[in-house]
Amino acid sequence: PEMWCNGPRIHEFIHEMNQKALAP
């Protein structure tokens, strides 16, 4: 699981998802 959980870009992806799809 250390190979795919909480990976290096995870917070970048979630922030983008929030800004582009959810927050609006």
PDB file of all heavy atoms in Angstrom:
ATOM      1  N   PRO A   1       0.809  -1.228   0.000  1.00  0.00           N
ATOM      2  CA  PRO A   1       0.000   0.000   0.000  1.00  0.00           C
ATOM      3  C   PRO A   1       0.836   1.268   0.000  1.00  0.00           C
ATOM      4  O   PRO A   1       0.364   2.322  -0.451  1.00  0.00           O
ATOM      5  CB  PRO A   1      -0.836  -0.128   1.280  1.00  0.00           C
ATOM      6  CG  PRO A   1      -0.072  -1.063   2.147  1.00  0.00           C
ATOM      7  CD  PRO A   1       0.582  -2.036   1.206  1.00  0.00           C
ATOM      8  N   GLU A   2       2.077   1.190   0.499  1.00  0.00           N
ATOM      9  CA  GLU A   2       2.934   2.374   0.495  1.00  0.00           C
ATOM     10  C   GLU A   2       3.282   2.812  -0.924  1.00  0.00           C
ATOM     11  O   GLU A   2       3.751   3.946  -1.132  1.00  0.00           O
ATOM     12  CB  GLU A   2       4.223   2.098   1.290  1.00  0.00           C
ATOM     13  CG  GLU A   2       5.182   1.097   0.660  1.00  0.00           C
ATOM     14  CD  GLU A   2       4.844  -0.363   0.946  1.00  0.00           C
ATOM     15  OE1 GLU A   2       3.760  -0.625   1.529  1.00  0.00           O
ATOM     16  OE2 GLU A   2       5.669  -1.237   0.617  1.00  0.00           O
ATOM     17  N   MET A   3       3.052   1.956  -1.908  1.00  0.00           N
ATOM     18  CA  MET A   3       3.358   2.288  -3.292  1.00  0.00           C
ATOM     19  C   MET A   3       2.227   3.075  -3.977  1.00  0.00           C
ATOM     20  O   MET A   3       2.451   3.663  -5.034  1.00  0.00           O
ATOM     21  CB  MET A   3       3.633   1.018  -4.107  1.00  0.00           C
ATOM     22  CG  MET A   3       4.796   0.189  -3.596  1.00  0.00           C
ATOM     23  SD  MET A   3       6.358   1.088  -3.733  1.00  0.00           S
ATOM     24  CE  MET A   3       7.514  -0.177  -3.134  1.00  0.00           C
ATOM     25  N   TRP A   4       1.013   3.030  -3.392  1.00  0.00           N
ATOM     26  CA  TRP A   4      -0.095   3.703  -4.070  1.00  0.00           C
ATOM     27  C   TRP A   4      -0.992   4.528  -3.159  1.00  0.00           C
ATOM     28  O   TRP A   4      -1.872   5.240  -3.644  1.00  0.00           O
ATOM     29  CB  TRP A   4      -0.929   2.690  -4.842  1.00  0.00           C
ATOM     30  CG  TRP A   4      -1.555   1.608  -3.995  1.00  0.00           C
ATOM     31  CD1 TRP A   4      -2.587   1.753  -3.104  1.00  0.00           C
ATOM     32  CD2 TRP A   4      -1.193   0.224  -3.964  1.00  0.00           C
ATOM     33  NE1 TRP A   4      -2.904   0.543  -2.532  1.00  0.00           N
ATOM     34  CE2 TRP A   4      -2.061  -0.416  -3.033  1.00  0.00           C
ATOM     35  CE3 TRP A   4      -0.242  -0.541  -4.626  1.00  0.00           C
ATOM     36  CZ2 TRP A   4      -1.986  -1.785  -2.760  1.00  0.00           C
ATOM     37  CZ3 TRP A   4      -0.171  -1.901  -4.357  1.00  0.00           C
ATOM     38  CH2 TRP A   4      -1.028  -2.510  -3.435  1.00  0.00           C
ATOM     39  N   CYS A   5      -0.805   4.484  -1.873  1.00  0.00           N
ATOM     40  CA  CYS A   5      -1.598   5.330  -0.968  1.00  0.00           C
ATOM     41  C   CYS A   5      -0.828   6.612  -0.654  1.00  0.00           C
ATOM     42  O   CYS A   5       0.373   6.576  -0.374  1.00  0.00           O
ATOM     43  CB  CYS A   5      -1.903   4.590   0.331  1.00  0.00           C
ATOM     44  SG  CYS A   5      -3.183   3.344   0.168  1.00  0.00           S
ATOM     45  N   ASN A   6      -1.526   7.751  -0.694  1.00  0.00           N
ATOM     46  CA  ASN A   6      -0.945   9.035  -0.289  1.00  0.00           C
ATOM     47  C   ASN A   6       0.309   9.357  -1.106  1.00  0.00           C
ATOM     48  O   ASN A   6       1.345   9.751  -0.569  1.00  0.00           O
ATOM     49  CB  ASN A   6      -0.616   9.027   1.206  1.00  0.00           C
ATOM     50  CG  ASN A   6      -1.758   8.500   2.041  1.00  0.00           C
ATOM     51  OD1 ASN A   6      -2.891   8.952   1.897  1.00  0.00           O
ATOM     52  ND2 ASN A   6      -1.492   7.515   2.890  1.00  0.00           N
ATOM     53  N   GLY A   7       0.218   9.165  -2.415  1.00  0.00           N
ATOM     54  CA  GLY A   7       1.363   9.361  -3.289  1.00  0.00           C
ATOM     55  C   GLY A   7       1.807  10.808  -3.392  1.00  0.00           C
ATOM     56  O   GLY A   7       1.179  11.723  -2.838  1.00  0.00           O
ATOM     57  N   PRO A   8       2.881  11.069  -4.134  1.00  0.00           N
ATOM     58  CA  PRO A   8       3.519  12.392  -4.123  1.00  0.00           C
ATOM     59  C   PRO A   8       2.659  13.525  -4.656  1.00  0.00           C
ATOM     60  O   PRO A   8       2.866  14.679  -4.286  1.00  0.00           O
ATOM     61  CB  PRO A   8       4.770  12.183  -4.990  1.00  0.00           C
ATOM     62  CG  PRO A   8       4.498  10.953  -5.786  1.00  0.00           C
ATOM     63  CD  PRO A   8       3.641  10.085  -4.921  1.00  0.00           C
ATOM     64  N   ARG A   9       1.665  13.236  -5.514  1.00  0.00           N
ATOM     65  CA  ARG A   9       0.839  14.314  -6.084  1.00  0.00           C
ATOM     66  C   ARG A   9      -0.600  14.288  -5.573  1.00  0.00           C
ATOM     67  O   ARG A   9      -1.463  14.998  -6.102  1.00  0.00           O
ATOM     68  CB  ARG A   9       0.835  14.211  -7.619  1.00  0.00           C
ATOM     69  CG  ARG A   9       2.202  14.381  -8.259  1.00  0.00           C
ATOM     70  CD  ARG A   9       2.101  14.383  -9.783  1.00  0.00           C
ATOM     71  NE  ARG A   9       1.388  15.567 -10.276  1.00  0.00           N
ATOM     72  CZ  ARG A   9       1.033  15.740 -11.558  1.00  0.00           C
ATOM     73  NH1 ARG A   9       1.305  14.793 -12.452  1.00  0.00           N
ATOM     74  NH2 ARG A   9       0.389  16.833 -11.935  1.00  0.00           N
ATOM     75  N   ILE A  10      -0.872  13.500  -4.538  1.00  0.00           N
ATOM     76  CA  ILE A  10      -2.260  13.291  -4.135  1.00  0.00           C
ATOM     77  C   ILE A  10      -2.958  14.587  -3.731  1.00  0.00           C
ATOM     78  O   ILE A  10      -4.104  14.848  -4.118  1.00  0.00           O
ATOM     79  CB  ILE A  10      -2.372  12.224  -3.008  1.00  0.00           C
ATOM     80  CG1 ILE A  10      -3.834  11.877  -2.743  1.00  0.00           C
ATOM     81  CG2 ILE A  10      -1.669  12.675  -1.742  1.00  0.00           C
ATOM     82  CD1 ILE A  10      -4.551  11.264  -3.930  1.00  0.00           C
ATOM     83  N   HIS A  11      -2.284  15.446  -2.981  1.00  0.00           N
ATOM     84  CA  HIS A  11      -2.953  16.675  -2.531  1.00  0.00           C
ATOM     85  C   HIS A  11      -3.100  17.679  -3.678  1.00  0.00           C
ATOM     86  O   HIS A  11      -4.066  18.449  -3.715  1.00  0.00           O
ATOM     87  CB  HIS A  11      -2.210  17.262  -1.342  1.00  0.00           C
ATOM     88  CG  HIS A  11      -2.214  16.347  -0.164  1.00  0.00           C
ATOM     89  ND1 HIS A  11      -3.370  15.989   0.490  1.00  0.00           N
ATOM     90  CD2 HIS A  11      -1.210  15.673   0.453  1.00  0.00           C
ATOM     91  CE1 HIS A  11      -3.085  15.144   1.463  1.00  0.00           C
ATOM     92  NE2 HIS A  11      -1.784  14.929   1.455  1.00  0.00           N
ATOM     93  N   GLU A  12      -2.183  17.640  -4.624  1.00  0.00           N
ATOM     94  CA  GLU A  12      -2.332  18.445  -5.836  1.00  0.00           C
ATOM     95  C   GLU A  12      -3.580  18.020  -6.601  1.00  0.00           C
ATOM     96  O   GLU A  12      -4.386  18.851  -7.039  1.00  0.00           O
ATOM     97  CB  GLU A  12      -1.092  18.281  -6.714  1.00  0.00           C
ATOM     98  CG  GLU A  12      -1.194  18.944  -8.075  1.00  0.00           C
ATOM     99  CD  GLU A  12      -0.070  18.526  -9.010  1.00  0.00           C
ATOM    100  OE1 GLU A  12       0.950  17.985  -8.535  1.00  0.00           O
ATOM    101  OE2 GLU A  12      -0.232  18.734 -10.233  1.00  0.00           O
ATOM    102  N   PHE A  13      -3.776  16.704  -6.752  1.00  0.00           N
ATOM    103  CA  PHE A  13      -4.942  16.201  -7.483  1.00  0.00           C
ATOM    104  C   PHE A  13      -6.245  16.561  -6.767  1.00  0.00           C
ATOM    105  O   PHE A  13      -7.225  16.976  -7.409  1.00  0.00           O
ATOM    106  CB  PHE A  13      -4.844  14.686  -7.653  1.00  0.00           C
ATOM    107  CG  PHE A  13      -3.727  14.211  -8.544  1.00  0.00           C
ATOM    108  CD1 PHE A  13      -3.233  12.918  -8.424  1.00  0.00           C
ATOM    109  CD2 PHE A  13      -3.168  15.048  -9.504  1.00  0.00           C
ATOM    110  CE1 PHE A  13      -2.215  12.464  -9.235  1.00  0.00           C
ATOM    111  CE2 PHE A  13      -2.137  14.607 -10.324  1.00  0.00           C
ATOM    112  CZ  PHE A  13      -1.657  13.308 -10.194  1.00  0.00           C
ATOM    113  N   ILE A  14      -6.273  16.382  -5.467  1.00  0.00           N
ATOM    114  CA  ILE A  14      -7.509  16.660  -4.723  1.00  0.00           C
ATOM    115  C   ILE A  14      -7.832  18.144  -4.748  1.00  0.00           C
ATOM    116  O   ILE A  14      -8.993  18.547  -4.891  1.00  0.00           O
ATOM    117  CB  ILE A  14      -7.395  16.123  -3.285  1.00  0.00           C
ATOM    118  CG1 ILE A  14      -7.397  14.588  -3.314  1.00  0.00           C
ATOM    119  CG2 ILE A  14      -8.542  16.637  -2.421  1.00  0.00           C
ATOM    120  CD1 ILE A  14      -7.205  13.960  -1.960  1.00  0.00           C
ATOM    121  N   HIS A  15      -6.814  18.980  -4.608  1.00  0.00           N
ATOM    122  CA  HIS A  15      -7.036  20.429  -4.682  1.00  0.00           C
ATOM    123  C   HIS A  15      -7.599  20.800  -6.053  1.00  0.00           C
ATOM    124  O   HIS A  15      -8.554  21.585  -6.157  1.00  0.00           O
ATOM    125  CB  HIS A  15      -5.717  21.164  -4.430  1.00  0.00           C
ATOM    126  CG  HIS A  15      -5.842  22.657  -4.524  1.00  0.00           C
ATOM    127  ND1 HIS A  15      -6.426  23.425  -3.538  1.00  0.00           N
ATOM    128  CD2 HIS A  15      -5.468  23.518  -5.513  1.00  0.00           C
ATOM    129  CE1 HIS A  15      -6.405  24.694  -3.901  1.00  0.00           C
ATOM    130  NE2 HIS A  15      -5.831  24.776  -5.096  1.00  0.00           N
ATOM    131  N   GLU A  16      -7.030  20.253  -7.115  1.00  0.00           N
ATOM    132  CA  GLU A  16      -7.512  20.550  -8.452  1.00  0.00           C
ATOM    133  C   GLU A  16      -8.951  20.072  -8.632  1.00  0.00           C
ATOM    134  O   GLU A  16      -9.787  20.785  -9.198  1.00  0.00           O
ATOM    135  CB  GLU A  16      -6.601  19.874  -9.475  1.00  0.00           C
ATOM    136  CG  GLU A  16      -7.029  20.104 -10.922  1.00  0.00           C
ATOM    137  CD  GLU A  16      -6.167  19.314 -11.887  1.00  0.00           C
ATOM    138  OE1 GLU A  16      -6.478  18.113 -12.128  1.00  0.00           O
ATOM    139  OE2 GLU A  16      -5.193  19.898 -12.406  1.00  0.00           O
ATOM    140  N   MET A  17      -9.250  18.862  -8.157  1.00  0.00           N
ATOM    141  CA  MET A  17     -10.604  18.324  -8.260  1.00  0.00           C
ATOM    142  C   MET A  17     -11.605  19.240  -7.558  1.00  0.00           C
ATOM    143  O   MET A  17     -12.697  19.517  -8.072  1.00  0.00           O
ATOM    144  CB  MET A  17     -10.654  16.921  -7.650  1.00  0.00           C
ATOM    145  CG  MET A  17     -12.030  16.286  -7.629  1.00  0.00           C
ATOM    146  SD  MET A  17     -11.977  14.583  -7.008  1.00  0.00           S
ATOM    147  CE  MET A  17     -11.446  14.836  -5.312  1.00  0.00           C
ATOM    148  N   ASN A  18     -11.217  19.714  -6.389  1.00  0.00           N
ATOM    149  CA  ASN A  18     -12.096  20.606  -5.643  1.00  0.00           C
ATOM    150  C   ASN A  18     -12.312  21.914  -6.389  1.00  0.00           C
ATOM    151  O   ASN A  18     -13.447  22.384  -6.547  1.00  0.00           O
ATOM    152  CB  ASN A  18     -11.509  20.871  -4.258  1.00  0.00           C
ATOM    153  CG  ASN A  18     -12.458  21.659  -3.387  1.00  0.00           C
ATOM    154  OD1 ASN A  18     -13.641  21.369  -3.324  1.00  0.00           O
ATOM    155  ND2 ASN A  18     -11.936  22.672  -2.719  1.00  0.00           N
ATOM    156  N   GLN A  19     -11.222  22.508  -6.867  1.00  0.00           N
ATOM    157  CA  GLN A  19     -11.318  23.813  -7.512  1.00  0.00           C
ATOM    158  C   GLN A  19     -12.041  23.750  -8.854  1.00  0.00           C
ATOM    159  O   GLN A  19     -12.825  24.645  -9.203  1.00  0.00           O
ATOM    160  CB  GLN A  19      -9.915  24.397  -7.700  1.00  0.00           C
ATOM    161  CG  GLN A  19      -9.217  24.753  -6.396  1.00  0.00           C
ATOM    162  CD  GLN A  19     -10.026  25.744  -5.572  1.00  0.00           C
ATOM    163  OE1 GLN A  19     -10.464  26.779  -6.064  1.00  0.00           O
ATOM    164  NE2 GLN A  19     -10.261  25.403  -4.305  1.00  0.00           N
ATOM    165  N   LYS A  20     -11.800  22.702  -9.627  1.00  0.00           N
ATOM    166  CA  LYS A  20     -12.360  22.628 -10.972  1.00  0.00           C
ATOM    167  C   LYS A  20     -13.757  22.024 -11.030  1.00  0.00           C
ATOM    168  O   LYS A  20     -14.547  22.370 -11.917  1.00  0.00           O
ATOM    169  CB  LYS A  20     -11.427  21.819 -11.882  1.00  0.00           C
ATOM    170  CG  LYS A  20     -10.143  22.542 -12.247  1.00  0.00           C
ATOM    171  CD  LYS A  20      -9.383  21.779 -13.328  1.00  0.00           C
ATOM    172  CE  LYS A  20      -8.175  22.557 -13.821  1.00  0.00           C
ATOM    173  NZ  LYS A  20      -7.468  21.854 -14.916  1.00  0.00           N
ATOM    174  N   ALA A  21     -14.066  21.119 -10.095  1.00  0.00           N
ATOM    175  CA  ALA A  21     -15.330  20.386 -10.223  1.00  0.00           C
ATOM    176  C   ALA A  21     -16.287  20.580  -9.059  1.00  0.00           C
ATOM    177  O   ALA A  21     -17.493  20.677  -9.268  1.00  0.00           O
ATOM    178  CB  ALA A  21     -15.044  18.894 -10.409  1.00  0.00           C
ATOM    179  N   LEU A  22     -15.783  20.617  -7.842  1.00  0.00           N
ATOM    180  CA  LEU A  22     -16.665  20.595  -6.678  1.00  0.00           C
ATOM    181  C   LEU A  22     -17.014  21.989  -6.160  1.00  0.00           C
ATOM    182  O   LEU A  22     -18.183  22.328  -5.966  1.00  0.00           O
ATOM    183  CB  LEU A  22     -16.033  19.765  -5.561  1.00  0.00           C
ATOM    184  CG  LEU A  22     -15.730  18.305  -5.901  1.00  0.00           C
ATOM    185  CD1 LEU A  22     -15.008  17.625  -4.744  1.00  0.00           C
ATOM    186  CD2 LEU A  22     -17.002  17.550  -6.257  1.00  0.00           C
ATOM    187  N   ALA A  23     -15.999  22.812  -5.920  1.00  0.00           N
ATOM    188  CA  ALA A  23     -16.231  24.126  -5.310  1.00  0.00           C
ATOM    189  C   ALA A  23     -17.172  25.014  -6.115  1.00  0.00           C
ATOM    190  O   ALA A  23     -18.011  25.708  -5.527  1.00  0.00           O
ATOM    191  CB  ALA A  23     -14.890  24.828  -5.073  1.00  0.00           C
ATOM    192  N   PRO A  24     -17.097  25.028  -7.445  1.00  0.00           N
ATOM    193  CA  PRO A  24     -18.022  25.888  -8.182  1.00  0.00           C
ATOM    194  C   PRO A  24     -19.494  25.571  -7.947  1.00  0.00           C
ATOM    195  O   PRO A  24     -20.360  26.421  -8.156  1.00  0.00           O
ATOM    196  CB  PRO A  24     -17.635  25.628  -9.655  1.00  0.00           C
ATOM    197  CG  PRO A  24     -16.200  25.233  -9.602  1.00  0.00           C
ATOM    198  CD  PRO A  24     -16.093  24.406  -8.344  1.00  0.00           C
TER     199      PRO A  24
END
